Amino acid sequence: MIVVFGLPNCDACRKALTWLRNQKIEYHFVDYRKNVLEES
């Protein structure tokens, strides 16, 4: 499964998610403003 980090209102992210859906590729979308990444 692919993990896509992005913003829901981003045009490029929406196009990528549409492409993934059309190709029947499973993905998990992570809104990085709501799910802040921890510094490693």
Protein backbone atom coordinates (compact mmCIF):
# COMPACT_ATOMS: atom_id res chain seq x y z
CA MET A 1 0.00 0.00 0.00
CA ILE A 2 1.20 3.49 -0.85
CA VAL A 3 1.16 6.27 1.75
CA VAL A 4 0.51 9.71 0.27
CA PHE A 5 1.40 12.74 2.39
CA GLY A 6 -0.24 15.97 1.32
CA LEU A 7 -3.05 18.46 1.74
CA PRO A 8 -6.68 17.75 0.83
CA ASN A 9 -7.04 21.06 -1.05
CA CYS A 10 -3.82 20.66 -3.07
CA ASP A 11 -4.56 20.25 -6.81
CA ALA A 12 -1.50 18.07 -7.42
CA CYS A 13 -2.44 15.80 -4.51
CA ARG A 14 -6.01 15.49 -5.73
CA LYS A 15 -4.82 14.60 -9.24
CA ALA A 16 -2.46 11.98 -7.82
CA LEU A 17 -5.22 10.45 -5.67
CA THR A 18 -7.60 10.39 -8.65
CA TRP A 19 -4.95 8.62 -10.72
CA LEU A 20 -4.35 6.06 -7.95
CA ARG A 21 -8.10 5.38 -7.68
CA ASN A 22 -8.45 5.02 -11.46
CA GLN A 23 -5.55 2.54 -11.50
CA LYS A 24 -7.15 0.64 -8.58
CA ILE A 25 -4.03 1.13 -6.47
CA GLU A 26 -4.55 1.03 -2.71
CA TYR A 27 -3.30 4.08 -0.84
CA HIS A 28 -3.57 5.79 2.52
CA PHE A 29 -3.77 9.60 2.50
CA VAL A 30 -2.15 11.50 5.37
CA ASP A 31 -2.94 15.20 5.81
CA TYR A 32 0.41 16.39 7.15
CA ARG A 33 -1.10 19.49 8.77
CA LYS A 34 -3.38 17.33 10.93
CA ASN A 35 -0.85 14.54 11.45
CA VAL A 36 2.39 16.36 12.15
CA LEU A 37 5.47 14.28 11.46
CA GLU A 38 7.85 13.82 14.35
CA GLU A 39 11.45 14.89 13.93
CA SER A 40 13.82 11.93 13.85
